Protein backbone atom coordinates (compact mmCIF):
# COMPACT_ATOMS: atom_id res chain seq x y z
CA UNK A 1 42.67 -15.21 24.96
CA UNK A 2 39.01 -15.57 25.32
CA UNK A 3 37.17 -12.44 27.23
CA UNK A 4 35.42 -13.75 30.64
CA UNK A 5 32.07 -13.64 31.02
CA UNK A 6 31.61 -11.10 33.47
CA UNK A 7 33.26 -8.11 31.15
CA UNK A 8 29.71 -7.53 29.35
CA UNK A 9 28.19 -7.34 32.28
CA UNK A 10 30.45 -4.63 33.36
CA UNK A 11 29.87 -3.17 30.40
CA UNK A 12 25.71 -3.43 30.33
CA UNK A 13 25.35 -3.45 33.85
CA UNK A 14 25.13 0.38 34.42
CA UNK A 15 23.03 0.52 31.07
CA UNK A 16 20.38 -1.71 32.65
CA UNK A 17 20.18 -0.25 36.03
CA UNK A 18 19.33 2.70 34.20
CA UNK A 19 16.92 1.59 32.08
CA UNK A 20 15.22 -0.53 34.95
CA UNK A 21 15.17 2.00 37.09
CA UNK A 22 13.30 4.64 34.00
CA UNK A 23 11.34 2.32 32.99
CA UNK A 24 10.31 -0.90 35.14
CA UNK A 25 10.20 0.84 38.24
CA UNK A 26 7.54 2.80 37.21
CA UNK A 27 5.45 -0.41 35.33
CA UNK A 28 5.39 -1.53 38.41
CA UNK A 29 3.96 1.44 39.96
CA UNK A 30 1.58 1.44 37.50
CA UNK A 31 0.94 -2.13 38.02
CA UNK A 32 0.40 -1.59 41.65
CA UNK A 33 -1.79 1.48 41.29
CA UNK A 34 -4.73 -0.48 39.44
CA UNK A 35 -4.93 -2.72 42.81
CA UNK A 36 -6.06 0.36 44.71
CA UNK A 37 -8.78 3.16 44.56
CA UNK A 38 -6.66 5.99 44.75
CA UNK A 39 -7.11 9.86 43.92
CA UNK A 40 -4.66 12.34 43.31
CA UNK A 41 -3.75 15.07 46.78
CA UNK A 42 -4.74 12.39 49.10
CA UNK A 43 -2.00 10.78 51.20
CA UNK A 44 -1.13 6.83 49.69
CA UNK A 45 -1.48 5.35 53.11
CA UNK A 46 -5.53 6.41 52.63
CA UNK A 47 -5.83 4.16 49.27
CA UNK A 48 -8.20 2.00 49.44
CA UNK A 49 -7.32 -1.78 48.01
CA UNK A 50 -9.80 -2.94 45.71
CA UNK A 51 -7.94 -5.96 44.23
CA UNK A 52 -9.00 -6.95 40.66
CA UNK A 53 -12.37 -4.74 40.87
CA UNK A 54 -10.30 -1.69 39.09
CA UNK A 55 -9.42 -4.36 36.00
CA UNK A 56 -12.46 -5.48 36.05
CA UNK A 57 -14.81 -2.82 35.73
CA UNK A 58 -11.79 -1.34 32.82
CA UNK A 59 -12.76 -4.45 30.62
CA UNK A 60 -16.22 -4.67 30.99
CA UNK A 61 -16.49 -0.78 30.31
CA UNK A 62 -18.11 -0.13 27.01
CA UNK A 63 -15.99 3.67 26.84
CA UNK A 64 -13.10 1.24 26.93
CA UNK A 65 -13.74 -0.38 23.94
CA UNK A 66 -15.11 2.07 22.31
CA UNK A 67 -11.84 3.86 22.71
CA UNK A 68 -9.90 0.99 21.33
CA UNK A 69 -12.02 0.47 18.18
CA UNK A 70 -11.62 4.18 17.70
CA UNK A 71 -7.51 3.56 17.99
CA UNK A 72 -7.74 0.72 15.74
CA UNK A 73 -9.46 2.86 13.08
CA UNK A 74 -6.99 5.47 13.45
CA UNK A 75 -4.15 3.83 13.89
CA UNK A 76 -5.14 1.34 10.88
CA UNK A 77 -6.19 4.57 8.72
CA UNK A 78 -2.79 6.23 9.21
CA UNK A 79 -0.32 3.67 9.09
CA UNK A 80 -2.04 3.09 5.74
CA UNK A 81 -1.49 6.47 4.53
CA UNK A 82 2.04 7.18 5.65
CA UNK A 83 3.35 3.92 4.24
CA UNK A 84 1.85 4.44 0.88
CA UNK A 85 3.04 8.14 0.53
CA UNK A 86 6.23 7.93 2.57
CA UNK A 87 7.10 5.14 -0.17
CA UNK A 88 6.15 6.99 -2.96
CA UNK A 89 7.93 10.30 -1.81
CA UNK A 90 10.79 8.11 -1.59
CA UNK A 91 10.82 5.98 -4.64
CA UNK A 92 9.99 9.50 -6.30
CA UNK A 93 13.28 11.37 -4.82
CA UNK A 94 15.67 8.69 -4.39
CA UNK A 95 17.51 9.37 -7.94
CA UNK A 96 18.92 12.46 -9.36
CA UNK A 97 16.60 14.88 -8.81
CA UNK A 98 17.37 18.78 -9.00
CA UNK A 99 16.76 20.46 -5.94
CA UNK A 100 16.39 16.73 -4.29
CA UNK A 101 17.85 18.48 -0.91
CA UNK A 102 15.62 21.31 -0.52
CA UNK A 103 12.33 18.75 -1.22
CA UNK A 104 13.91 16.44 1.25
CA UNK A 105 14.53 19.11 4.18
CA UNK A 106 10.90 20.20 3.13
CA UNK A 107 9.66 16.91 3.82
CA UNK A 108 11.57 16.31 7.31
CA UNK A 109 10.28 19.31 8.96
CA UNK A 110 6.89 18.48 9.91
CA UNK A 111 8.83 15.60 11.75
CA UNK A 112 10.90 17.84 13.45
CA UNK A 113 7.77 20.00 15.31
CA UNK A 114 6.55 19.83 18.48
CA UNK A 115 4.04 17.59 19.02
CA UNK A 116 1.78 20.46 20.83
CA UNK A 117 2.95 22.91 18.09
CA UNK A 118 1.56 20.56 15.23
CA UNK A 119 -2.10 20.33 17.20
CA UNK A 120 -2.03 24.35 17.79
CA UNK A 121 -1.32 24.67 13.79
CA UNK A 122 -3.79 22.27 12.40
CA UNK A 123 -6.32 23.55 15.08
CA UNK A 124 -6.22 27.20 13.75
CA UNK A 125 -6.11 25.36 10.08
CA UNK A 126 -9.29 24.02 10.89
CA UNK A 127 -11.34 27.24 12.96
CA UNK A 128 -14.60 26.88 11.45
CA UNK A 129 -14.21 31.35 11.69
CA UNK A 130 -11.10 31.90 10.62
CA UNK A 131 -9.02 28.63 9.52
CA UNK A 132 -7.41 28.72 6.39
CA UNK A 133 -9.70 25.68 5.16
CA UNK A 134 -12.74 27.67 5.61
CA UNK A 135 -10.89 30.97 4.20
CA UNK A 136 -10.08 28.46 0.48
CA UNK A 137 -13.89 26.97 0.42
CA UNK A 138 -15.20 30.67 0.73
CA UNK A 139 -13.06 31.40 -2.06
CA UNK A 140 -15.17 29.19 -4.23
CA UNK A 141 -17.89 30.48 -2.44
CA UNK A 142 -18.63 27.23 -0.41
CA UNK A 143 -20.16 27.61 2.93
CA UNK A 144 -17.81 26.93 5.87
CA UNK A 145 -17.18 23.72 7.68
CA UNK A 146 -17.14 23.38 11.51
CA UNK A 147 -14.38 20.64 10.71
CA UNK A 148 -13.80 19.75 14.85
CA UNK A 149 -17.40 20.24 15.86
CA UNK A 150 -18.61 17.35 13.56
CA UNK A 151 -17.73 13.43 14.25
CA UNK A 152 -17.33 12.50 10.78
CA UNK A 153 -14.61 15.57 9.89
CA UNK A 154 -12.97 15.68 13.09
CA UNK A 155 -11.86 12.08 12.50
CA UNK A 156 -10.30 13.03 9.85
CA UNK A 157 -8.59 16.30 11.08
CA UNK A 158 -6.74 14.00 13.56
CA UNK A 159 -5.69 11.42 10.66
CA UNK A 160 -4.91 15.16 8.50
CA UNK A 161 -2.73 15.98 11.50
CA UNK A 162 -1.09 12.66 11.76
CA UNK A 163 -0.58 12.08 8.42
CA UNK A 164 1.06 15.16 7.68
CA UNK A 165 3.43 14.36 10.84
CA UNK A 166 5.02 11.37 10.69
CA UNK A 167 5.12 10.25 7.00
CA UNK A 168 8.86 11.64 6.91
CA UNK A 169 9.64 9.12 8.88
CA UNK A 170 8.31 6.69 6.72
CA UNK A 171 10.18 8.94 4.00
CA UNK A 172 13.42 8.90 5.50
CA UNK A 173 13.15 5.22 6.80
CA UNK A 174 12.83 4.52 2.69
CA UNK A 175 15.07 6.78 1.26
CA UNK A 176 17.97 5.40 3.71
CA UNK A 177 16.62 1.55 2.46
CA UNK A 178 16.57 2.20 -1.06
CA UNK A 179 20.11 4.17 -0.84
CA UNK A 180 21.87 0.49 0.33
CA UNK A 181 20.07 -1.30 -2.46
CA UNK A 182 22.27 -2.90 -4.46
CA UNK A 183 23.32 -1.27 -8.26
CA UNK A 184 24.16 -4.36 -9.90
CA UNK A 185 21.15 -5.80 -8.97
CA UNK A 186 19.31 -2.87 -10.35
CA UNK A 187 21.06 -2.96 -13.69
CA UNK A 188 21.00 -6.79 -14.33
CA UNK A 189 17.29 -6.39 -13.92
CA UNK A 190 17.01 -3.20 -16.64
CA UNK A 191 19.41 -5.08 -19.18
CA UNK A 192 17.10 -8.20 -18.65
CA UNK A 193 13.77 -5.82 -19.90
CA UNK A 194 12.40 -4.96 -16.86
CA UNK A 195 10.64 -1.84 -16.85
CA UNK A 196 10.60 0.90 -13.77
CA UNK A 197 7.54 -0.94 -12.53
CA UNK A 198 8.98 -4.33 -12.96
CA UNK A 199 12.07 -2.91 -11.31
CA UNK A 200 10.42 -1.06 -8.27
CA UNK A 201 7.44 -3.57 -7.59
CA UNK A 202 10.13 -6.71 -8.37
CA UNK A 203 13.46 -5.78 -7.65
CA UNK A 204 13.69 -2.55 -5.43
CA UNK A 205 11.00 -3.03 -2.74
CA UNK A 206 11.61 -7.14 -2.25
CA UNK A 207 14.83 -6.16 -1.48
CA UNK A 208 13.86 -3.72 1.63
CA UNK A 209 11.05 -5.72 2.98
CA UNK A 210 12.65 -6.45 6.00
CA UNK A 211 12.69 -2.18 6.78
CA UNK A 212 9.20 -1.61 5.25
CA UNK A 213 7.42 -4.15 8.06
CA UNK A 214 9.71 -2.69 11.04
CA UNK A 215 8.73 0.54 9.73
CA UNK A 216 5.65 -0.10 9.53
CA UNK A 217 5.28 -1.37 13.06
CA UNK A 218 7.15 1.13 14.31
CA UNK A 219 4.70 3.96 12.84
CA UNK A 220 1.75 1.48 14.55
CA UNK A 221 2.76 1.09 17.67
CA UNK A 222 3.34 5.42 17.88
CA UNK A 223 -0.23 5.55 16.57
CA UNK A 224 -1.75 3.91 19.57
CA UNK A 225 0.57 6.21 21.63
CA UNK A 226 -0.25 9.40 20.06
CA UNK A 227 -1.94 12.14 22.49
CA UNK A 228 -0.49 15.24 22.42
CA UNK A 229 -2.34 16.72 19.00
CA UNK A 230 -5.25 14.90 19.59
CA UNK A 231 -5.78 16.06 22.82
CA UNK A 232 -4.98 19.80 21.69
CA UNK A 233 -7.45 19.89 18.18
CA UNK A 234 -10.96 17.95 19.90
CA UNK A 235 -10.01 16.44 23.22
CA UNK A 236 -11.81 13.42 22.34
CA UNK A 237 -14.65 15.08 21.28
CA UNK A 238 -17.26 15.99 19.54
CA UNK A 239 -18.49 13.64 21.89
CA UNK A 240 -15.96 10.54 22.49
CA UNK A 241 -15.56 10.24 18.33
CA UNK A 242 -11.96 10.85 18.49
CA UNK A 243 -11.12 9.77 21.97
CA UNK A 244 -8.37 6.77 20.93
CA UNK A 245 -7.15 4.65 23.91
CA UNK A 246 -4.48 6.86 25.77
CA UNK A 247 -6.52 9.50 26.02
CA UNK A 248 -9.36 7.68 26.99
CA UNK A 249 -6.83 6.55 29.94
CA UNK A 250 -5.29 10.58 30.54
CA UNK A 251 -9.27 11.38 31.09
CA UNK A 252 -9.69 8.81 33.85
CA UNK A 253 -6.47 9.86 35.82
CA UNK A 254 -6.47 13.08 35.64
CA UNK A 255 -10.17 14.64 35.03
CA UNK A 256 -11.95 11.93 36.74
CA UNK A 257 -8.96 11.60 39.57
CA UNK A 258 -9.71 7.67 38.93
CA UNK A 259 -5.94 6.77 38.90
CA UNK A 260 -6.74 3.06 39.45
CA UNK A 261 -9.10 2.57 37.25
CA UNK A 262 -6.52 4.70 34.67
CA UNK A 263 -3.45 2.11 35.45
CA UNK A 264 -5.92 -0.62 34.73
CA UNK A 265 -7.01 0.60 31.48
CA UNK A 266 -3.35 1.11 30.67
CA UNK A 267 -2.66 -2.58 31.15
CA UNK A 268 -4.77 -3.05 28.20
CA UNK A 269 -2.08 -1.02 26.07
CA UNK A 270 0.68 -2.11 27.69
CA UNK A 271 -0.91 -5.61 26.42
CA UNK A 272 -1.07 -4.33 22.81
CA UNK A 273 1.83 -2.67 22.65
CA UNK A 274 4.05 -5.30 24.17
CA UNK A 275 3.18 -7.62 21.53
CA UNK A 276 3.46 -5.56 18.48
CA UNK A 277 7.15 -4.31 19.87
CA UNK A 278 8.10 -7.86 20.42
CA UNK A 279 7.27 -8.60 17.02
CA UNK A 280 9.28 -5.54 15.77
CA UNK A 281 12.11 -6.73 17.84
CA UNK A 282 11.66 -10.48 16.07
CA UNK A 283 11.74 -8.95 12.45
CA UNK A 284 14.55 -6.66 13.34
CA UNK A 285 16.53 -9.14 14.99
CA UNK A 286 20.02 -9.01 13.13
CA UNK A 287 21.01 -12.43 13.98
CA UNK A 288 18.30 -14.06 12.96
CA UNK A 289 20.01 -15.26 9.39
CA UNK A 290 22.80 -16.63 11.67
CA UNK A 291 20.63 -18.39 13.88
CA UNK A 292 19.06 -20.52 10.72
CA UNK A 293 22.01 -21.51 9.73
């Protein structure tokens, strides 16, 4: 007996309704807000209709594009470093290594810490007077460095904090993917005379390439949305050298009280993240191979 077409709707309906209320309504409200000039604390009835002015101003604002450039650089450096370290750690700990459970737990811990706590931890580590890093430099006779007071070192600081927190995510994804690699294929490669490098880069990694791509895209999407750690570490400073787009939106909305402009700027971030999300969903579609047959 064939299942009626309305049965899946009964099961999916509640979930779709909840997602629509939780996600779609705020999205539409943000888009609506972009057409008004309104500040928090004033009645919505006093909001002034400005049409596309906020969007035009946002896309012509040099600060917006500067923060987008900072975001792109930040995302590129962090994702490349996290993917490289995460894959290397997974390859190093996939076999029968003594204390492997301890190392896996140790590597996962940073990801379990709240972003605010991560920001505070690294702020204390980078502190110019009492930070651990400057204490180490002093032990070697070097002068203290104002890590968060200089543009170049402040940008490096937020990158280090993000790499420390999110490399474990790549590690978890890769260790799970490598665990599902068919051992018979690896054994066949070794019988054919393949060494460790050939087995790793010509057999193992190609077999988990889909997981690598999806992990990369997920980290890239998250890198565009990071806020709390940078907020605690530098608040976008010194100047605007570490002001990524999400932090710029926050400042526009809650510091400058220009909620309409912030909503308009968020459209740019929405487009970038939505494009990356769509690409990730296309790559991770489990029915993709079936559709080709």
